[in-house]
PDB file of N, CA and C in Angstrom:
ATOM      1  N   MET A   1       0.816  -1.197  -0.003  1.00  0.00           N
ATOM      2  CA  MET A   1       0.002   0.002  -0.001  1.00  0.00           C
ATOM      3  C   MET A   1       0.857   1.259   0.004  1.00  0.00           C
ATOM      4  N   ALA A   2       2.005   1.194   0.611  1.00  0.00           N
ATOM      5  CA  ALA A   2       2.876   2.368   0.674  1.00  0.00           C
ATOM      6  C   ALA A   2       3.307   2.784  -0.724  1.00  0.00           C
ATOM      7  N   ALA A   3       3.517   1.833  -1.610  1.00  0.00           N
ATOM      8  CA  ALA A   3       3.923   2.151  -2.978  1.00  0.00           C
ATOM      9  C   ALA A   3       2.813   2.921  -3.701  1.00  0.00           C
ATOM     10  N   ASP A   4       1.540   2.547  -3.462  1.00  0.00           N
ATOM     11  CA  ASP A   4       0.423   3.254  -4.080  1.00  0.00           C
ATOM     12  C   ASP A   4       0.361   4.699  -3.620  1.00  0.00           C
ATOM     13  N   ALA A   5       0.556   4.937  -2.342  1.00  0.00           N
ATOM     14  CA  ALA A   5       0.522   6.293  -1.804  1.00  0.00           C
ATOM     15  C   ALA A   5       1.638   7.121  -2.406  1.00  0.00           C
ATOM     16  N   THR A   6       2.826   6.530  -2.558  1.00  0.00           N
ATOM     17  CA  THR A   6       3.959   7.237  -3.153  1.00  0.00           C
ATOM     18  C   THR A   6       3.668   7.588  -4.605  1.00  0.00           C
ATOM     19  N   GLU A   7       3.072   6.677  -5.348  1.00  0.00           N
ATOM     20  CA  GLU A   7       2.720   6.926  -6.746  1.00  0.00           C
ATOM     21  C   GLU A   7       1.748   8.106  -6.848  1.00  0.00           C
ATOM     22  N   LYS A   8       0.760   8.155  -5.982  1.00  0.00           N
ATOM     23  CA  LYS A   8      -0.228   9.240  -6.010  1.00  0.00           C
ATOM     24  C   LYS A   8       0.430  10.581  -5.723  1.00  0.00           C
ATOM     25  N   LYS A   9       1.394  10.619  -4.827  1.00  0.00           N
ATOM     26  CA  LYS A   9       2.068  11.864  -4.500  1.00  0.00           C
ATOM     27  C   LYS A   9       2.866  12.370  -5.692  1.00  0.00           C
ATOM     28  N   LYS A  10       3.448  11.495  -6.476  1.00  0.00           N
ATOM     29  CA  LYS A  10       4.255  11.879  -7.632  1.00  0.00           C
ATOM     30  C   LYS A  10       3.400  12.505  -8.733  1.00  0.00           C
ATOM     31  N   LEU A  11       2.164  12.072  -8.856  1.00  0.00           N
ATOM     32  CA  LEU A  11       1.303  12.550  -9.926  1.00  0.00           C
ATOM     33  C   LEU A  11       0.912  14.009  -9.760  1.00  0.00           C
ATOM     34  N   GLY A  12       0.818  14.490  -8.567  1.00  0.00           N
ATOM     35  CA  GLY A  12       0.398  15.872  -8.338  1.00  0.00           C
ATOM     36  C   GLY A  12      -1.117  15.978  -8.381  1.00  0.00           C
ATOM     37  N   PRO A  13      -1.619  17.210  -8.281  1.00  0.00           N
ATOM     38  CA  PRO A  13      -3.070  17.404  -8.259  1.00  0.00           C
ATOM     39  C   PRO A  13      -3.698  17.135  -9.629  1.00  0.00           C
ATOM     40  N   VAL A  14      -4.885  16.580  -9.595  1.00  0.00           N
ATOM     41  CA  VAL A  14      -5.627  16.306 -10.824  1.00  0.00           C
ATOM     42  C   VAL A  14      -6.463  17.538 -11.139  1.00  0.00           C
ATOM     43  N   ASP A  15      -6.510  17.903 -12.403  1.00  0.00           N
ATOM     44  CA  ASP A  15      -7.250  19.081 -12.841  1.00  0.00           C
ATOM     45  C   ASP A  15      -8.762  18.838 -12.688  1.00  0.00           C
ATOM     46  N   GLU A  16      -9.350  19.462 -11.689  1.00  0.00           N
ATOM     47  CA  GLU A  16     -10.778  19.284 -11.424  1.00  0.00           C
ATOM     48  C   GLU A  16     -11.622  19.796 -12.585  1.00  0.00           C
ATOM     49  N   GLY A  17     -11.158  20.847 -13.226  1.00  0.00           N
ATOM     50  CA  GLY A  17     -11.878  21.382 -14.384  1.00  0.00           C
ATOM     51  C   GLY A  17     -11.949  20.384 -15.521  1.00  0.00           C
ATOM     52  N   LEU A  18     -10.868  19.623 -15.723  1.00  0.00           N
ATOM     53  CA  LEU A  18     -10.853  18.597 -16.756  1.00  0.00           C
ATOM     54  C   LEU A  18     -11.878  17.516 -16.448  1.00  0.00           C
ATOM     55  N   ILE A  19     -11.929  17.115 -15.183  1.00  0.00           N
ATOM     56  CA  ILE A  19     -12.903  16.095 -14.763  1.00  0.00           C
ATOM     57  C   ILE A  19     -14.326  16.591 -15.034  1.00  0.00           C
ATOM     58  N   ARG A  20     -14.586  17.820 -14.666  1.00  0.00           N
ATOM     59  CA  ARG A  20     -15.933  18.387 -14.880  1.00  0.00           C
ATOM     60  C   ARG A  20     -16.258  18.492 -16.375  1.00  0.00           C
ATOM     61  N   SER A  21     -15.274  18.866 -17.177  1.00  0.00           N
ATOM     62  CA  SER A  21     -15.485  18.951 -18.625  1.00  0.00           C
ATOM     63  C   SER A  21     -15.815  17.582 -19.212  1.00  0.00           C
ATOM     64  N   LEU A  22     -15.091  16.572 -18.781  1.00  0.00           N
ATOM     65  CA  LEU A  22     -15.353  15.209 -19.267  1.00  0.00           C
ATOM     66  C   LEU A  22     -16.732  14.717 -18.847  1.00  0.00           C
ATOM     67  N   ALA A  23     -17.103  15.026 -17.619  1.00  0.00           N
ATOM     68  CA  ALA A  23     -18.433  14.634 -17.137  1.00  0.00           C
ATOM     69  C   ALA A  23     -19.507  15.362 -17.951  1.00  0.00           C
ATOM     70  N   GLY A  24     -19.264  16.611 -18.291  1.00  0.00           N
ATOM     71  CA  GLY A  24     -20.207  17.359 -19.132  1.00  0.00           C
ATOM     72  C   GLY A  24     -20.342  16.743 -20.510  1.00  0.00           C
ATOM     73  N   LEU A  25     -19.216  16.261 -21.051  1.00  0.00           N
ATOM     74  CA  LEU A  25     -19.269  15.575 -22.351  1.00  0.00           C
ATOM     75  C   LEU A  25     -20.137  14.331 -22.306  1.00  0.00           C
ATOM     76  N   LEU A  26     -20.075  13.610 -21.188  1.00  0.00           N
ATOM     77  CA  LEU A  26     -20.927  12.427 -21.036  1.00  0.00           C
ATOM     78  C   LEU A  26     -22.396  12.818 -21.168  1.00  0.00           C
ATOM     79  N   ASN A  27     -22.769  13.897 -20.487  1.00  0.00           N
ATOM     80  CA  ASN A  27     -24.167  14.331 -20.532  1.00  0.00           C
ATOM     81  C   ASN A  27     -24.566  14.830 -21.916  1.00  0.00           C
ATOM     82  N   GLU A  28     -23.692  15.605 -22.560  1.00  0.00           N
ATOM     83  CA  GLU A  28     -24.010  16.176 -23.865  1.00  0.00           C
ATOM     84  C   GLU A  28     -24.134  15.112 -24.954  1.00  0.00           C
ATOM     85  N   THR A  29     -23.283  14.117 -24.897  1.00  0.00           N
ATOM     86  CA  THR A  29     -23.232  13.126 -25.976  1.00  0.00           C
ATOM     87  C   THR A  29     -24.029  11.858 -25.688  1.00  0.00           C
ATOM     88  N   GLY A  30     -24.432  11.654 -24.434  1.00  0.00           N
ATOM     89  CA  GLY A  30     -25.159  10.441 -24.093  1.00  0.00           C
ATOM     90  C   GLY A  30     -24.252   9.236 -23.900  1.00  0.00           C
ATOM     91  N   LEU A  31     -22.938   9.450 -23.882  1.00  0.00           N
ATOM     92  CA  LEU A  31     -22.019   8.343 -23.667  1.00  0.00           C
ATOM     93  C   LEU A  31     -22.106   7.874 -22.220  1.00  0.00           C
ATOM     94  N   THR A  32     -21.679   6.630 -21.962  1.00  0.00           N
ATOM     95  CA  THR A  32     -21.686   6.126 -20.592  1.00  0.00           C
ATOM     96  C   THR A  32     -20.299   6.145 -19.977  1.00  0.00           C
ATOM     97  N   GLU A  33     -19.249   6.265 -20.800  1.00  0.00           N
ATOM     98  CA  GLU A  33     -17.905   6.386 -20.244  1.00  0.00           C
ATOM     99  C   GLU A  33     -16.980   7.066 -21.257  1.00  0.00           C
ATOM    100  N   ILE A  34     -15.954   7.703 -20.710  1.00  0.00           N
ATOM    101  CA  ILE A  34     -14.950   8.360 -21.534  1.00  0.00           C
ATOM    102  C   ILE A  34     -13.620   8.220 -20.814  1.00  0.00           C
ATOM    103  N   GLU A  35     -12.553   8.020 -21.564  1.00  0.00           N
ATOM    104  CA  GLU A  35     -11.231   7.820 -20.972  1.00  0.00           C
ATOM    105  C   GLU A  35     -10.200   8.585 -21.796  1.00  0.00           C
ATOM    106  N   ILE A  36      -9.279   9.282 -21.113  1.00  0.00           N
ATOM    107  CA  ILE A  36      -8.193   9.963 -21.803  1.00  0.00           C
ATOM    108  C   ILE A  36      -6.901   9.643 -21.089  1.00  0.00           C
ATOM    109  N   GLU A  37      -5.797   9.804 -21.808  1.00  0.00           N
ATOM    110  CA  GLU A  37      -4.464   9.626 -21.209  1.00  0.00           C
ATOM    111  C   GLU A  37      -3.584  10.741 -21.721  1.00  0.00           C
ATOM    112  N   GLN A  38      -2.961  11.461 -20.780  1.00  0.00           N
ATOM    113  CA  GLN A  38      -2.057  12.551 -21.134  1.00  0.00           C
ATOM    114  C   GLN A  38      -0.822  12.458 -20.243  1.00  0.00           C
ATOM    115  N   GLN A  39       0.332  12.405 -20.841  1.00  0.00           N
ATOM    116  CA  GLN A  39       1.597  12.403 -20.101  1.00  0.00           C
ATOM    117  C   GLN A  39       1.630  11.338 -18.992  1.00  0.00           C
ATOM    118  N   GLY A  40       1.134  10.150 -19.326  1.00  0.00           N
ATOM    119  CA  GLY A  40       1.174   9.041 -18.374  1.00  0.00           C
ATOM    120  C   GLY A  40       0.055   9.053 -17.342  1.00  0.00           C
ATOM    121  N   LEU A  41      -0.806  10.066 -17.371  1.00  0.00           N
ATOM    122  CA  LEU A  41      -1.947  10.124 -16.433  1.00  0.00           C
ATOM    123  C   LEU A  41      -3.198   9.713 -17.189  1.00  0.00           C
ATOM    124  N   ARG A  42      -3.844   8.667 -16.728  1.00  0.00           N
ATOM    125  CA  ARG A  42      -5.068   8.170 -17.371  1.00  0.00           C
ATOM    126  C   ARG A  42      -6.255   8.530 -16.491  1.00  0.00           C
ATOM    127  N   ILE A  43      -7.289   9.123 -17.132  1.00  0.00           N
ATOM    128  CA  ILE A  43      -8.505   9.491 -16.419  1.00  0.00           C
ATOM    129  C   ILE A  43      -9.669   8.837 -17.120  1.00  0.00           C
ATOM    130  N   ARG A  44     -10.474   8.133 -16.346  1.00  0.00           N
ATOM    131  CA  ARG A  44     -11.660   7.452 -16.891  1.00  0.00           C
ATOM    132  C   ARG A  44     -12.866   7.920 -16.087  1.00  0.00           C
ATOM    133  N   ILE A  45     -13.859   8.445 -16.810  1.00  0.00           N
ATOM    134  CA  ILE A  45     -15.104   8.884 -16.194  1.00  0.00           C
ATOM    135  C   ILE A  45     -16.206   7.962 -16.715  1.00  0.00           C
ATOM    136  N   ALA A  46     -16.985   7.393 -15.829  1.00  0.00           N
ATOM    137  CA  ALA A  46     -18.048   6.472 -16.233  1.00  0.00           C
ATOM    138  C   ALA A  46     -19.268   6.687 -15.370  1.00  0.00           C
ATOM    139  N   ARG A  47     -20.391   6.411 -15.935  1.00  0.00           N
ATOM    140  CA  ARG A  47     -21.648   6.458 -15.166  1.00  0.00           C
ATOM    141  C   ARG A  47     -22.435   5.200 -15.475  1.00  0.00           C
ATOM    142  N   GLN A  48     -23.318   4.859 -14.602  1.00  0.00           N
ATOM    143  CA  GLN A  48     -24.115   3.660 -14.780  1.00  0.00           C
ATOM    144  C   GLN A  48     -25.175   3.926 -15.836  1.00  0.00           C
ATOM    145  N   ALA A  49     -25.349   2.982 -16.703  1.00  0.00           N
ATOM    146  CA  ALA A  49     -26.417   3.077 -17.683  1.00  0.00           C
ATOM    147  C   ALA A  49     -27.686   2.508 -17.061  1.00  0.00           C
ATOM    148  N   ILE A  50     -28.763   3.224 -17.203  1.00  0.00           N
ATOM    149  CA  ILE A  50     -30.041   2.757 -16.673  1.00  0.00           C
ATOM    150  C   ILE A  50     -30.805   2.111 -17.823  1.00  0.00           C
ATOM    151  N   ILE A  51     -31.042   0.836 -17.678  1.00  0.00           N
ATOM    152  CA  ILE A  51     -31.723   0.083 -18.720  1.00  0.00           C
ATOM    153  C   ILE A  51     -33.135  -0.226 -18.261  1.00  0.00           C
ATOM    154  N   THR A  52     -34.091   0.147 -19.095  1.00  0.00           N
ATOM    155  CA  THR A  52     -35.482  -0.137 -18.759  1.00  0.00           C
ATOM    156  C   THR A  52     -36.051  -1.066 -19.822  1.00  0.00           C
ATOM    157  N   ALA A  53     -36.928  -1.933 -19.403  1.00  0.00           N
ATOM    158  CA  ALA A  53     -37.566  -2.861 -20.334  1.00  0.00           C
ATOM    159  C   ALA A  53     -39.020  -2.479 -20.509  1.00  0.00           C
ATOM    160  N   ALA A  54     -39.457  -2.435 -21.731  1.00  0.00           N
ATOM    161  CA  ALA A  54     -40.842  -2.102 -22.008  1.00  0.00           C
ATOM    162  C   ALA A  54     -41.642  -3.403 -22.106  1.00  0.00           C
ATOM    163  N   MET A  55     -42.786  -3.404 -21.507  1.00  0.00           N
ATOM    164  CA  MET A  55     -43.668  -4.569 -21.566  1.00  0.00           C
ATOM    165  C   MET A  55     -44.475  -4.517 -22.854  1.00  0.00           C
ATOM    166  N   PRO A  56     -44.668  -5.665 -23.507  1.00  0.00           N
ATOM    167  CA  PRO A  56     -45.488  -5.657 -24.722  1.00  0.00           C
ATOM    168  C   PRO A  56     -46.937  -5.331 -24.358  1.00  0.00           C
ATOM    169  N   PRO A  57     -47.670  -4.735 -25.269  1.00  0.00           N
ATOM    170  CA  PRO A  57     -49.056  -4.386 -24.976  1.00  0.00           C
ATOM    171  C   PRO A  57     -49.898  -5.642 -24.730  1.00  0.00           C
ATOM    172  N   VAL A  58     -50.840  -5.506 -23.837  1.00  0.00           N
ATOM    173  CA  VAL A  58     -51.726  -6.631 -23.510  1.00  0.00           C
ATOM    174  C   VAL A  58     -52.998  -6.510 -24.339  1.00  0.00           C
ATOM    175  N   VAL A  59     -53.342  -7.572 -25.054  1.00  0.00           N
ATOM    176  CA  VAL A  59     -54.562  -7.577 -25.844  1.00  0.00           C
ATOM    177  C   VAL A  59     -55.676  -8.151 -24.984  1.00  0.00           C
ATOM    178  N   THR A  60     -56.713  -7.386 -24.829  1.00  0.00           N
ATOM    179  CA  THR A  60     -57.827  -7.829 -23.993  1.00  0.00           C
ATOM    180  C   THR A  60     -58.956  -8.367 -24.866  1.00  0.00           C
ATOM    181  N   ALA A  61     -59.899  -9.040 -24.233  1.00  0.00           N
ATOM    182  CA  ALA A  61     -61.062  -9.578 -24.953  1.00  0.00           C
ATOM    183  C   ALA A  61     -61.877  -8.442 -25.566  1.00  0.00           C
ATOM    184  N   ALA A  62     -61.952  -7.307 -24.903  1.00  0.00           N
ATOM    185  CA  ALA A  62     -62.714  -6.177 -25.427  1.00  0.00           C
ATOM    186  C   ALA A  62     -62.101  -5.690 -26.728  1.00  0.00           C
ATOM    187  N   ALA A  63     -60.778  -5.699 -26.815  1.00  0.00           N
ATOM    188  CA  ALA A  63     -60.116  -5.236 -28.025  1.00  0.00           C
ATOM    189  C   ALA A  63     -60.388  -6.197 -29.185  1.00  0.00           C
ATOM    190  N   THR A  64     -60.397  -7.502 -28.923  1.00  0.00           N
ATOM    191  CA  THR A  64     -60.677  -8.459 -29.982  1.00  0.00           C
ATOM    192  C   THR A  64     -62.132  -8.396 -30.392  1.00  0.00           C
ATOM    193  N   GLY A  65     -63.015  -8.131 -29.471  1.00  0.00           N
ATOM    194  CA  GLY A  65     -64.434  -7.977 -29.809  1.00  0.00           C
ATOM    195  C   GLY A  65     -64.656  -6.775 -30.695  1.00  0.00           C
ATOM    196  N   ALA A  66     -63.951  -5.682 -30.432  1.00  0.00           N
ATOM    197  CA  ALA A  66     -64.070  -4.491 -31.261  1.00  0.00           C
ATOM    198  C   ALA A  66     -63.550  -4.763 -32.664  1.00  0.00           C
ATOM    199  N   ALA A  67     -62.481  -5.522 -32.778  1.00  0.00           N
ATOM    200  CA  ALA A  67     -61.925  -5.854 -34.087  1.00  0.00           C
ATOM    201  C   ALA A  67     -62.924  -6.712 -34.876  1.00  0.00           C
ATOM    202  N   ALA A  68     -63.583  -7.636 -34.192  1.00  0.00           N
ATOM    203  CA  ALA A  68     -64.549  -8.494 -34.873  1.00  0.00           C
ATOM    204  C   ALA A  68     -65.723  -7.669 -35.396  1.00  0.00           C
ATOM    205  N   LYS A  69     -66.181  -6.691 -34.662  1.00  0.00           N
ATOM    206  CA  LYS A  69     -67.288  -5.834 -35.110  1.00  0.00           C
ATOM    207  C   LYS A  69     -66.874  -5.056 -36.350  1.00  0.00           C
ATOM    208  N   ASP A  70     -65.622  -4.580 -36.393  1.00  0.00           N
ATOM    209  CA  ASP A  70     -65.144  -3.845 -37.567  1.00  0.00           C
ATOM    210  C   ASP A  70     -65.162  -4.737 -38.805  1.00  0.00           C
ATOM    211  N   VAL A  71     -64.770  -5.998 -38.651  1.00  0.00           N
ATOM    212  CA  VAL A  71     -64.763  -6.935 -39.785  1.00  0.00           C
ATOM    213  C   VAL A  71     -66.199  -7.180 -40.240  1.00  0.00           C
ATOM    214  N   ASP A  72     -67.139  -7.351 -39.321  1.00  0.00           N
ATOM    215  CA  ASP A  72     -68.523  -7.610 -39.659  1.00  0.00           C
ATOM    216  C   ASP A  72     -69.151  -6.456 -40.412  1.00  0.00           C
ATOM    217  N   SER A  73     -68.700  -5.221 -40.152  1.00  0.00           N
ATOM    218  CA  SER A  73     -69.299  -4.070 -40.820  1.00  0.00           C
ATOM    219  C   SER A  73     -68.724  -3.869 -42.219  1.00  0.00           C
ATOM    220  N   ASN A  74     -67.710  -4.590 -42.590  1.00  0.00           N
ATOM    221  CA  ASN A  74     -67.124  -4.463 -43.913  1.00  0.00           C
ATOM    222  C   ASN A  74     -68.056  -5.094 -44.920  1.00  0.00           C
ATOM    223  N   PRO A  75     -68.426  -4.382 -46.011  1.00  0.00           N
ATOM    224  CA  PRO A  75     -69.378  -4.938 -46.967  1.00  0.00           C
ATOM    225  C   PRO A  75     -68.849  -6.162 -47.720  1.00  0.00           C
ATOM    226  N   GLY A  76     -67.527  -6.373 -47.737  1.00  0.00           N
ATOM    227  CA  GLY A  76     -66.972  -7.522 -48.455  1.00  0.00           C
ATOM    228  C   GLY A  76     -66.798  -8.755 -47.576  1.00  0.00           C
ATOM    229  N   THR A  77     -67.311  -8.720 -46.340  1.00  0.00           N
ATOM    230  CA  THR A  77     -67.137  -9.823 -45.428  1.00  0.00           C
ATOM    231  C   THR A  77     -68.036 -10.992 -45.815  1.00  0.00           C
ATOM    232  N   VAL A  78     -67.436 -12.180 -45.852  1.00  0.00           N
ATOM    233  CA  VAL A  78     -68.206 -13.398 -46.135  1.00  0.00           C
ATOM    234  C   VAL A  78     -68.171 -14.231 -44.863  1.00  0.00           C
ATOM    235  N   LYS A  79     -69.383 -14.515 -44.337  1.00  0.00           N
ATOM    236  CA  LYS A  79     -69.470 -15.303 -43.098  1.00  0.00           C
ATOM    237  C   LYS A  79     -69.460 -16.772 -43.423  1.00  0.00           C
ATOM    238  N   SER A  80     -68.775 -17.537 -42.571  1.00  0.00           N
ATOM    239  CA  SER A  80     -68.765 -18.986 -42.751  1.00  0.00           C
ATOM    240  C   SER A  80     -69.979 -19.579 -42.074  1.00  0.00           C
ATOM    241  N   SER A  81     -70.366 -20.754 -42.511  1.00  0.00           N
ATOM    242  CA  SER A  81     -71.571 -21.364 -41.905  1.00  0.00           C
ATOM    243  C   SER A  81     -71.257 -22.376 -40.888  1.00  0.00           C
TER     244      SER A  81
END
């Protein structure tokens, strides 16, 4: 762990404005992540994608009854016996 702390100290402060600009790009473009590398410093900004599932429409008996009435009112309808 001491090596990680030493590495962080060598890098110096991270440009907060750059982080905010990259986060703004995510919002503007609809991307879920962006990563850049400059002079050995790699910055990756990511956000969770929210995935929603749409349910297929439910066909009810009332809807099928209405469709049957429309067919019956068509003058070219031939009824079976």
